[in-house]
């Protein structure tokens, strides 16, 4: 997980439901009026006609709508289907303050550092996982101003999706966010292909509640192996067997 610079204030995060979305855009106009900048994140590049995606907002349509609605604000756009030259130009303009609000997809999840930007609005936040939302939130809070993150969800979002996002209101700690996500989604398969759901078979341990024990065991095993290598000692039998029987990585190119 990418770390934000040391010293900034914690990012104030709010989950906003359908009728509350205007509060986020009021914060945007206020931020721009005071000389700051803002990100607006959409899940799609262009509007989709697929039934399962038609309710989600797109960068291209939002860019047009926002330019028409807020004529005094300078908007830029960034998404993955733009050419490298177009992406660089959009980022350079935002970094230089030539554009005040950047409408983008999750392409800005990592690697974008504009300390003057202290508001981020994430449309259709239920479309993203909480770890992705935490990374997106990290685009702000990189300067010394109080930063805000607004997670917008529509009326179509279910209760489970809304409940999943509430951890982001409660903490800015990436480990706590990941731990909450693990508890809610399930661990999936440790050695298989399933990335969520179900429970991981670890005998008496639970990957949801005993992460600290797993990390302590990993460190103890690493220290034991290192010490044995230095001293020329034989590894304890359980550890030697575990290393011998360790599954080999699958070749995904076959």
C-alpha atoms as a PDB file:
ATOM      1  CA  UNK A   1       0.000   0.000   0.000  1.00  0.00           C
ATOM      2  CA  UNK A   2       1.353   3.369  -1.014  1.00  0.00           C
ATOM      3  CA  UNK A   3       2.002   5.633   1.953  1.00  0.00           C
ATOM      4  CA  UNK A   4       1.020   9.300   2.111  1.00  0.00           C
ATOM      5  CA  UNK A   5       3.713  11.788   3.141  1.00  0.00           C
ATOM      6  CA  UNK A   6       4.460  12.087   6.863  1.00  0.00           C
ATOM      7  CA  UNK A   7       2.723  14.844   8.769  1.00  0.00           C
ATOM      8  CA  UNK A   8      -0.568  15.594   6.933  1.00  0.00           C
ATOM      9  CA  UNK A   9      -3.864  15.788   8.782  1.00  0.00           C
ATOM     10  CA  UNK A  10      -6.106  12.692   8.609  1.00  0.00           C
ATOM     11  CA  UNK A  11      -8.426  12.726   5.610  1.00  0.00           C
ATOM     12  CA  UNK A  12     -12.037  13.397   6.550  1.00  0.00           C
ATOM     13  CA  UNK A  13     -14.155  10.795   4.746  1.00  0.00           C
ATOM     14  CA  UNK A  14     -17.942  10.917   4.285  1.00  0.00           C
ATOM     15  CA  UNK A  15     -20.268   8.347   2.762  1.00  0.00           C
ATOM     16  CA  UNK A  16     -23.053  10.221   0.960  1.00  0.00           C
ATOM     17  CA  UNK A  17     -26.298   8.669  -0.231  1.00  0.00           C
ATOM     18  CA  UNK A  18     -28.387   9.710  -3.206  1.00  0.00           C
ATOM     19  CA  UNK A  19     -29.991  12.899  -1.867  1.00  0.00           C
ATOM     20  CA  UNK A  20     -26.765  14.059  -0.170  1.00  0.00           C
ATOM     21  CA  UNK A  21     -24.512  14.190  -3.259  1.00  0.00           C
ATOM     22  CA  UNK A  22     -24.847  17.957  -3.611  1.00  0.00           C
ATOM     23  CA  UNK A  23     -22.753  18.398  -0.434  1.00  0.00           C
ATOM     24  CA  UNK A  24     -19.741  16.940  -2.229  1.00  0.00           C
ATOM     25  CA  UNK A  25     -20.033  19.348  -5.146  1.00  0.00           C
ATOM     26  CA  UNK A  26     -20.498  22.269  -2.785  1.00  0.00           C
ATOM     27  CA  UNK A  27     -17.186  21.250  -1.218  1.00  0.00           C
ATOM     28  CA  UNK A  28     -15.653  21.139  -4.699  1.00  0.00           C
ATOM     29  CA  UNK A  29     -16.729  24.675  -5.593  1.00  0.00           C
ATOM     30  CA  UNK A  30     -15.631  25.961  -2.186  1.00  0.00           C
ATOM     31  CA  UNK A  31     -12.217  24.335  -2.554  1.00  0.00           C
ATOM     32  CA  UNK A  32     -11.701  25.729  -6.042  1.00  0.00           C
ATOM     33  CA  UNK A  33     -12.813  29.208  -4.924  1.00  0.00           C
ATOM     34  CA  UNK A  34     -10.149  29.144  -2.184  1.00  0.00           C
ATOM     35  CA  UNK A  35      -7.389  28.199  -4.650  1.00  0.00           C
ATOM     36  CA  UNK A  36      -7.439  24.446  -4.129  1.00  0.00           C
ATOM     37  CA  UNK A  37      -7.989  21.567  -6.527  1.00  0.00           C
ATOM     38  CA  UNK A  38     -10.208  18.504  -6.664  1.00  0.00           C
ATOM     39  CA  UNK A  39     -10.428  15.020  -8.165  1.00  0.00           C
ATOM     40  CA  UNK A  40     -13.690  13.475  -9.375  1.00  0.00           C
ATOM     41  CA  UNK A  41     -13.461   9.717  -9.941  1.00  0.00           C
ATOM     42  CA  UNK A  42     -15.882   7.687 -12.052  1.00  0.00           C
ATOM     43  CA  UNK A  43     -15.888   3.911 -12.539  1.00  0.00           C
ATOM     44  CA  UNK A  44     -16.270   3.992 -16.344  1.00  0.00           C
ATOM     45  CA  UNK A  45     -14.504   5.747 -19.194  1.00  0.00           C
ATOM     46  CA  UNK A  46     -17.596   5.980 -21.413  1.00  0.00           C
ATOM     47  CA  UNK A  47     -21.263   5.291 -20.827  1.00  0.00           C
ATOM     48  CA  UNK A  48     -22.045   1.589 -21.142  1.00  0.00           C
ATOM     49  CA  UNK A  49     -25.192   0.141 -22.689  1.00  0.00           C
ATOM     50  CA  UNK A  50     -24.747  -3.124 -20.789  1.00  0.00           C
ATOM     51  CA  UNK A  51     -27.623  -3.521 -18.330  1.00  0.00           C
ATOM     52  CA  UNK A  52     -25.338  -4.248 -15.384  1.00  0.00           C
ATOM     53  CA  UNK A  53     -23.291  -1.071 -16.007  1.00  0.00           C
ATOM     54  CA  UNK A  54     -25.803   1.473 -17.261  1.00  0.00           C
ATOM     55  CA  UNK A  55     -26.361   3.058 -13.842  1.00  0.00           C
ATOM     56  CA  UNK A  56     -22.668   3.886 -13.404  1.00  0.00           C
ATOM     57  CA  UNK A  57     -21.223   7.264 -14.349  1.00  0.00           C
ATOM     58  CA  UNK A  58     -18.462   7.701 -16.914  1.00  0.00           C
ATOM     59  CA  UNK A  59     -15.570  10.143 -17.114  1.00  0.00           C
ATOM     60  CA  UNK A  60     -16.491  11.399 -20.570  1.00  0.00           C
ATOM     61  CA  UNK A  61     -20.143  12.122 -19.755  1.00  0.00           C
ATOM     62  CA  UNK A  62     -19.357  13.634 -16.339  1.00  0.00           C
ATOM     63  CA  UNK A  63     -16.697  15.866 -17.871  1.00  0.00           C
ATOM     64  CA  UNK A  64     -19.274  17.271 -20.323  1.00  0.00           C
ATOM     65  CA  UNK A  65     -21.960  17.642 -17.650  1.00  0.00           C
ATOM     66  CA  UNK A  66     -19.667  19.352 -15.165  1.00  0.00           C
ATOM     67  CA  UNK A  67     -18.285  21.788 -17.755  1.00  0.00           C
ATOM     68  CA  UNK A  68     -21.855  22.830 -18.587  1.00  0.00           C
ATOM     69  CA  UNK A  69     -22.926  23.052 -14.932  1.00  0.00           C
ATOM     70  CA  UNK A  70     -19.891  24.813 -13.438  1.00  0.00           C
ATOM     71  CA  UNK A  71     -18.807  27.240 -16.152  1.00  0.00           C
ATOM     72  CA  UNK A  72     -16.387  29.113 -13.881  1.00  0.00           C
ATOM     73  CA  UNK A  73     -14.379  25.968 -13.074  1.00  0.00           C
ATOM     74  CA  UNK A  74     -11.558  24.676 -15.290  1.00  0.00           C
ATOM     75  CA  UNK A  75     -11.929  20.913 -15.765  1.00  0.00           C
ATOM     76  CA  UNK A  76      -9.478  18.350 -17.094  1.00  0.00           C
ATOM     77  CA  UNK A  77     -10.008  14.675 -17.915  1.00  0.00           C
ATOM     78  CA  UNK A  78      -7.820  11.581 -17.554  1.00  0.00           C
ATOM     79  CA  UNK A  79      -8.560   7.932 -18.295  1.00  0.00           C
ATOM     80  CA  UNK A  80      -6.846   4.797 -19.517  1.00  0.00           C
ATOM     81  CA  UNK A  81      -8.027   5.011 -23.136  1.00  0.00           C
ATOM     82  CA  UNK A  82      -6.212   8.285 -23.734  1.00  0.00           C
ATOM     83  CA  UNK A  83      -2.838   8.245 -25.476  1.00  0.00           C
ATOM     84  CA  UNK A  84       0.326   8.638 -23.416  1.00  0.00           C
ATOM     85  CA  UNK A  85       0.720  12.172 -24.729  1.00  0.00           C
ATOM     86  CA  UNK A  86      -2.853  13.066 -23.748  1.00  0.00           C
ATOM     87  CA  UNK A  87      -2.408  11.560 -20.284  1.00  0.00           C
ATOM     88  CA  UNK A  88       0.817  13.437 -19.672  1.00  0.00           C
ATOM     89  CA  UNK A  89      -0.724  16.690 -20.878  1.00  0.00           C
ATOM     90  CA  UNK A  90      -3.744  16.248 -18.576  1.00  0.00           C
ATOM     91  CA  UNK A  91      -1.513  15.472 -15.578  1.00  0.00           C
ATOM     92  CA  UNK A  92       0.863  18.339 -16.327  1.00  0.00           C
ATOM     93  CA  UNK A  93      -2.037  20.795 -16.571  1.00  0.00           C
ATOM     94  CA  UNK A  94      -3.490  19.620 -13.264  1.00  0.00           C
ATOM     95  CA  UNK A  95      -0.116  19.620 -11.513  1.00  0.00           C
ATOM     96  CA  UNK A  96       0.548  23.164 -12.730  1.00  0.00           C
ATOM     97  CA  UNK A  97      -2.869  24.339 -11.560  1.00  0.00           C
ATOM     98  CA  UNK A  98      -4.048  25.129 -15.070  1.00  0.00           C
ATOM     99  CA  UNK A  99      -7.017  22.834 -14.501  1.00  0.00           C
ATOM    100  CA  UNK A 100      -8.751  23.012 -11.126  1.00  0.00           C
ATOM    101  CA  UNK A 101     -10.713  19.762 -11.192  1.00  0.00           C
ATOM    102  CA  UNK A 102      -9.544  16.491 -12.739  1.00  0.00           C
ATOM    103  CA  UNK A 103     -12.283  14.087 -13.840  1.00  0.00           C
ATOM    104  CA  UNK A 104     -10.657  10.675 -13.985  1.00  0.00           C
ATOM    105  CA  UNK A 105     -11.041   6.946 -13.630  1.00  0.00           C
ATOM    106  CA  UNK A 106      -9.062   4.853 -11.145  1.00  0.00           C
ATOM    107  CA  UNK A 107      -6.005   5.337 -13.403  1.00  0.00           C
ATOM    108  CA  UNK A 108      -4.958   7.921 -10.776  1.00  0.00           C
ATOM    109  CA  UNK A 109      -5.040   5.284  -8.013  1.00  0.00           C
ATOM    110  CA  UNK A 110      -1.261   5.440  -7.570  1.00  0.00           C
ATOM    111  CA  UNK A 111       1.606   7.642  -8.661  1.00  0.00           C
ATOM    112  CA  UNK A 112      -0.190  10.999  -8.831  1.00  0.00           C
ATOM    113  CA  UNK A 113       1.043  13.578  -6.316  1.00  0.00           C
ATOM    114  CA  UNK A 114      -0.562  17.035  -6.343  1.00  0.00           C
ATOM    115  CA  UNK A 115      -0.318  18.514  -2.818  1.00  0.00           C
ATOM    116  CA  UNK A 116      -2.684  21.382  -3.712  1.00  0.00           C
ATOM    117  CA  UNK A 117      -5.546  18.916  -4.288  1.00  0.00           C
ATOM    118  CA  UNK A 118      -7.418  18.365  -1.044  1.00  0.00           C
ATOM    119  CA  UNK A 119     -10.884  17.173  -2.136  1.00  0.00           C
ATOM    120  CA  UNK A 120     -11.712  13.904  -3.893  1.00  0.00           C
ATOM    121  CA  UNK A 121     -15.219  12.862  -4.934  1.00  0.00           C
ATOM    122  CA  UNK A 122     -15.657   9.204  -5.863  1.00  0.00           C
ATOM    123  CA  UNK A 123     -18.830   8.546  -7.829  1.00  0.00           C
ATOM    124  CA  UNK A 124     -20.467   5.105  -7.568  1.00  0.00           C
ATOM    125  CA  UNK A 125     -18.070   4.220  -4.769  1.00  0.00           C
ATOM    126  CA  UNK A 126     -19.787   0.852  -4.277  1.00  0.00           C
ATOM    127  CA  UNK A 127     -18.344  -0.179  -7.638  1.00  0.00           C
ATOM    128  CA  UNK A 128     -14.829  -0.264  -6.113  1.00  0.00           C
ATOM    129  CA  UNK A 129     -13.270  -2.436  -3.435  1.00  0.00           C
ATOM    130  CA  UNK A 130     -12.351  -0.690  -0.189  1.00  0.00           C
ATOM    131  CA  UNK A 131      -8.622  -1.164  -0.804  1.00  0.00           C
ATOM    132  CA  UNK A 132      -8.929   0.640  -4.146  1.00  0.00           C
ATOM    133  CA  UNK A 133     -10.983   3.379  -2.478  1.00  0.00           C
ATOM    134  CA  UNK A 134      -8.307   3.755   0.196  1.00  0.00           C
ATOM    135  CA  UNK A 135      -5.653   4.167  -2.509  1.00  0.00           C
ATOM    136  CA  UNK A 136      -7.791   6.694  -4.374  1.00  0.00           C
ATOM    137  CA  UNK A 137      -8.371   8.588  -1.145  1.00  0.00           C
ATOM    138  CA  UNK A 138      -4.596   8.820  -0.834  1.00  0.00           C
ATOM    139  CA  UNK A 139      -4.490  11.216  -3.808  1.00  0.00           C
ATOM    140  CA  UNK A 140      -5.467  13.941  -1.341  1.00  0.00           C
ATOM    141  CA  UNK A 141      -4.014  14.661   2.082  1.00  0.00           C
ATOM    142  CA  UNK A 142      -0.582  15.139   0.550  1.00  0.00           C
ATOM    143  CA  UNK A 143      -0.258  18.800   1.517  1.00  0.00           C
ATOM    144  CA  UNK A 144      -0.876  20.578   4.802  1.00  0.00           C
ATOM    145  CA  UNK A 145      -4.556  21.467   4.323  1.00  0.00           C
ATOM    146  CA  UNK A 146      -7.418  19.489   5.821  1.00  0.00           C
ATOM    147  CA  UNK A 147      -8.508  17.104   3.063  1.00  0.00           C
ATOM    148  CA  UNK A 148     -11.861  15.517   2.375  1.00  0.00           C
ATOM    149  CA  UNK A 149     -12.981  12.377   0.567  1.00  0.00           C
ATOM    150  CA  UNK A 150     -16.611  11.953  -0.471  1.00  0.00           C
ATOM    151  CA  UNK A 151     -17.856   8.457  -1.288  1.00  0.00           C
ATOM    152  CA  UNK A 152     -21.029   8.780  -3.364  1.00  0.00           C
ATOM    153  CA  UNK A 153     -23.441   5.862  -3.703  1.00  0.00           C
ATOM    154  CA  UNK A 154     -26.742   5.730  -5.544  1.00  0.00           C
ATOM    155  CA  UNK A 155     -30.114   4.417  -4.477  1.00  0.00           C
ATOM    156  CA  UNK A 156     -29.409   1.149  -6.338  1.00  0.00           C
ATOM    157  CA  UNK A 157     -26.521   0.229  -4.034  1.00  0.00           C
ATOM    158  CA  UNK A 158     -27.502  -2.505  -1.591  1.00  0.00           C
ATOM    159  CA  UNK A 159     -27.191  -2.384   2.165  1.00  0.00           C
ATOM    160  CA  UNK A 160     -24.199  -4.750   2.172  1.00  0.00           C
ATOM    161  CA  UNK A 161     -22.293  -2.499  -0.243  1.00  0.00           C
ATOM    162  CA  UNK A 162     -23.003   0.591   1.834  1.00  0.00           C
ATOM    163  CA  UNK A 163     -22.045  -1.186   5.057  1.00  0.00           C
ATOM    164  CA  UNK A 164     -18.757  -2.304   3.480  1.00  0.00           C
ATOM    165  CA  UNK A 165     -17.760   1.310   2.784  1.00  0.00           C
ATOM    166  CA  UNK A 166     -18.339   2.583   6.306  1.00  0.00           C
ATOM    167  CA  UNK A 167     -14.894   1.422   7.467  1.00  0.00           C
ATOM    168  CA  UNK A 168     -13.418   4.233   5.369  1.00  0.00           C
ATOM    169  CA  UNK A 169     -15.355   6.769   7.441  1.00  0.00           C
ATOM    170  CA  UNK A 170     -13.897   5.282  10.602  1.00  0.00           C
ATOM    171  CA  UNK A 171     -10.200   4.955   9.792  1.00  0.00           C
ATOM    172  CA  UNK A 172      -7.388   6.201   7.562  1.00  0.00           C
ATOM    173  CA  UNK A 173      -5.241   3.167   8.448  1.00  0.00           C
ATOM    174  CA  UNK A 174      -4.688   0.962   5.400  1.00  0.00           C
ATOM    175  CA  UNK A 175      -4.130  -2.176   7.493  1.00  0.00           C
ATOM    176  CA  UNK A 176      -7.466  -1.719   9.284  1.00  0.00           C
ATOM    177  CA  UNK A 177      -9.190  -1.148   5.946  1.00  0.00           C
ATOM    178  CA  UNK A 178      -7.697  -4.349   4.491  1.00  0.00           C
ATOM    179  CA  UNK A 179      -8.572  -6.331   7.617  1.00  0.00           C
ATOM    180  CA  UNK A 180     -12.192  -5.161   7.458  1.00  0.00           C
ATOM    181  CA  UNK A 181     -12.359  -6.053   3.768  1.00  0.00           C
ATOM    182  CA  UNK A 182     -11.012  -9.519   4.529  1.00  0.00           C
ATOM    183  CA  UNK A 183     -13.643 -10.130   7.202  1.00  0.00           C
ATOM    184  CA  UNK A 184     -16.493  -8.986   4.966  1.00  0.00           C
ATOM    185  CA  UNK A 185     -15.451 -10.635   1.693  1.00  0.00           C
ATOM    186  CA  UNK A 186     -13.850 -13.808   2.995  1.00  0.00           C
ATOM    187  CA  UNK A 187     -10.326 -15.023   2.405  1.00  0.00           C
ATOM    188  CA  UNK A 188     -10.792 -17.045  -0.766  1.00  0.00           C
ATOM    189  CA  UNK A 189      -8.192 -19.749  -1.452  1.00  0.00           C
ATOM    190  CA  UNK A 190      -4.630 -19.474  -0.169  1.00  0.00           C
ATOM    191  CA  UNK A 191      -3.252 -21.741  -2.901  1.00  0.00           C
ATOM    192  CA  UNK A 192      -6.140 -21.777  -5.390  1.00  0.00           C
ATOM    193  CA  UNK A 193      -7.723 -19.192  -7.688  1.00  0.00           C
ATOM    194  CA  UNK A 194     -10.712 -17.968  -5.678  1.00  0.00           C
ATOM    195  CA  UNK A 195      -9.939 -14.440  -4.438  1.00  0.00           C
ATOM    196  CA  UNK A 196     -12.847 -13.981  -2.035  1.00  0.00           C
ATOM    197  CA  UNK A 197     -15.639 -15.799  -0.237  1.00  0.00           C
ATOM    198  CA  UNK A 198     -15.634 -18.866   1.913  1.00  0.00           C
ATOM    199  CA  UNK A 199     -13.300 -19.594   4.782  1.00  0.00           C
ATOM    200  CA  UNK A 200      -9.639 -20.526   4.623  1.00  0.00           C
ATOM    201  CA  UNK A 201      -8.851 -23.903   6.188  1.00  0.00           C
ATOM    202  CA  UNK A 202      -6.094 -23.204   8.722  1.00  0.00           C
ATOM    203  CA  UNK A 203      -7.084 -25.820  11.317  1.00  0.00           C
ATOM    204  CA  UNK A 204      -7.740 -23.834  14.536  1.00  0.00           C
ATOM    205  CA  UNK A 205      -6.657 -20.434  13.221  1.00  0.00           C
ATOM    206  CA  UNK A 206      -8.798 -17.946  11.324  1.00  0.00           C
ATOM    207  CA  UNK A 207      -7.286 -15.646   8.730  1.00  0.00           C
ATOM    208  CA  UNK A 208     -10.057 -13.152   9.566  1.00  0.00           C
ATOM    209  CA  UNK A 209      -9.326 -12.877  13.288  1.00  0.00           C
ATOM    210  CA  UNK A 210      -5.809 -14.244  13.808  1.00  0.00           C
ATOM    211  CA  UNK A 211      -3.749 -12.186  11.367  1.00  0.00           C
ATOM    212  CA  UNK A 212      -1.411 -11.105  14.162  1.00  0.00           C
ATOM    213  CA  UNK A 213      -0.652 -14.761  14.961  1.00  0.00           C
ATOM    214  CA  UNK A 214       0.011 -15.550  11.300  1.00  0.00           C
ATOM    215  CA  UNK A 215       2.389 -12.587  11.021  1.00  0.00           C
ATOM    216  CA  UNK A 216       4.163 -13.591  14.267  1.00  0.00           C
ATOM    217  CA  UNK A 217       4.545 -17.152  12.967  1.00  0.00           C
ATOM    218  CA  UNK A 218       5.917 -15.902   9.649  1.00  0.00           C
ATOM    219  CA  UNK A 219       8.522 -13.755  11.423  1.00  0.00           C
ATOM    220  CA  UNK A 220       9.500 -16.590  13.759  1.00  0.00           C
ATOM    221  CA  UNK A 221       9.923 -18.986  10.828  1.00  0.00           C
ATOM    222  CA  UNK A 222      12.029 -16.457   8.895  1.00  0.00           C
ATOM    223  CA  UNK A 223      14.274 -15.853  11.918  1.00  0.00           C
ATOM    224  CA  UNK A 224      14.687 -19.595  12.487  1.00  0.00           C
ATOM    225  CA  UNK A 225      15.669 -20.182   8.847  1.00  0.00           C
ATOM    226  CA  UNK A 226      18.119 -17.275   8.886  1.00  0.00           C
ATOM    227  CA  UNK A 227      19.711 -18.449  12.137  1.00  0.00           C
ATOM    228  CA  UNK A 228      20.019 -22.017  10.842  1.00  0.00           C
ATOM    229  CA  UNK A 229      21.699 -20.805   7.652  1.00  0.00           C
ATOM    230  CA  UNK A 230      24.213 -18.708   9.604  1.00  0.00           C
ATOM    231  CA  UNK A 231      25.048 -21.387  12.157  1.00  0.00           C
ATOM    232  CA  UNK A 232      24.826 -24.369   9.821  1.00  0.00           C
ATOM    233  CA  UNK A 233      22.121 -25.906  12.002  1.00  0.00           C
ATOM    234  CA  UNK A 234      19.393 -28.336  10.986  1.00  0.00           C
ATOM    235  CA  UNK A 235      15.912 -26.831  10.759  1.00  0.00           C
ATOM    236  CA  UNK A 236      13.206 -28.122  13.120  1.00  0.00           C
ATOM    237  CA  UNK A 237      11.360 -31.012  11.454  1.00  0.00           C
ATOM    238  CA  UNK A 238       7.958 -29.262  11.007  1.00  0.00           C
ATOM    239  CA  UNK A 239       9.599 -26.296   9.324  1.00  0.00           C
ATOM    240  CA  UNK A 240      11.832 -28.467   7.137  1.00  0.00           C
ATOM    241  CA  UNK A 241       8.818 -30.530   6.021  1.00  0.00           C
ATOM    242  CA  UNK A 242       6.788 -27.396   5.295  1.00  0.00           C
ATOM    243  CA  UNK A 243       9.581 -26.006   3.099  1.00  0.00           C
ATOM    244  CA  UNK A 244      10.048 -29.352   1.346  1.00  0.00           C
ATOM    245  CA  UNK A 245       6.350 -29.674   0.574  1.00  0.00           C
ATOM    246  CA  UNK A 246       5.800 -26.023  -0.342  1.00  0.00           C
ATOM    247  CA  UNK A 247       3.641 -25.898  -3.499  1.00  0.00           C
ATOM    248  CA  UNK A 248       5.471 -24.736  -6.601  1.00  0.00           C
ATOM    249  CA  UNK A 249       4.183 -21.569  -8.327  1.00  0.00           C
ATOM    250  CA  UNK A 250       1.793 -22.293 -11.185  1.00  0.00           C
ATOM    251  CA  UNK A 251       2.849 -21.290 -14.670  1.00  0.00           C
ATOM    252  CA  UNK A 252      -0.019 -19.061 -15.773  1.00  0.00           C
ATOM    253  CA  UNK A 253       1.341 -18.860 -19.319  1.00  0.00           C
ATOM    254  CA  UNK A 254       0.675 -22.525 -20.085  1.00  0.00           C
END
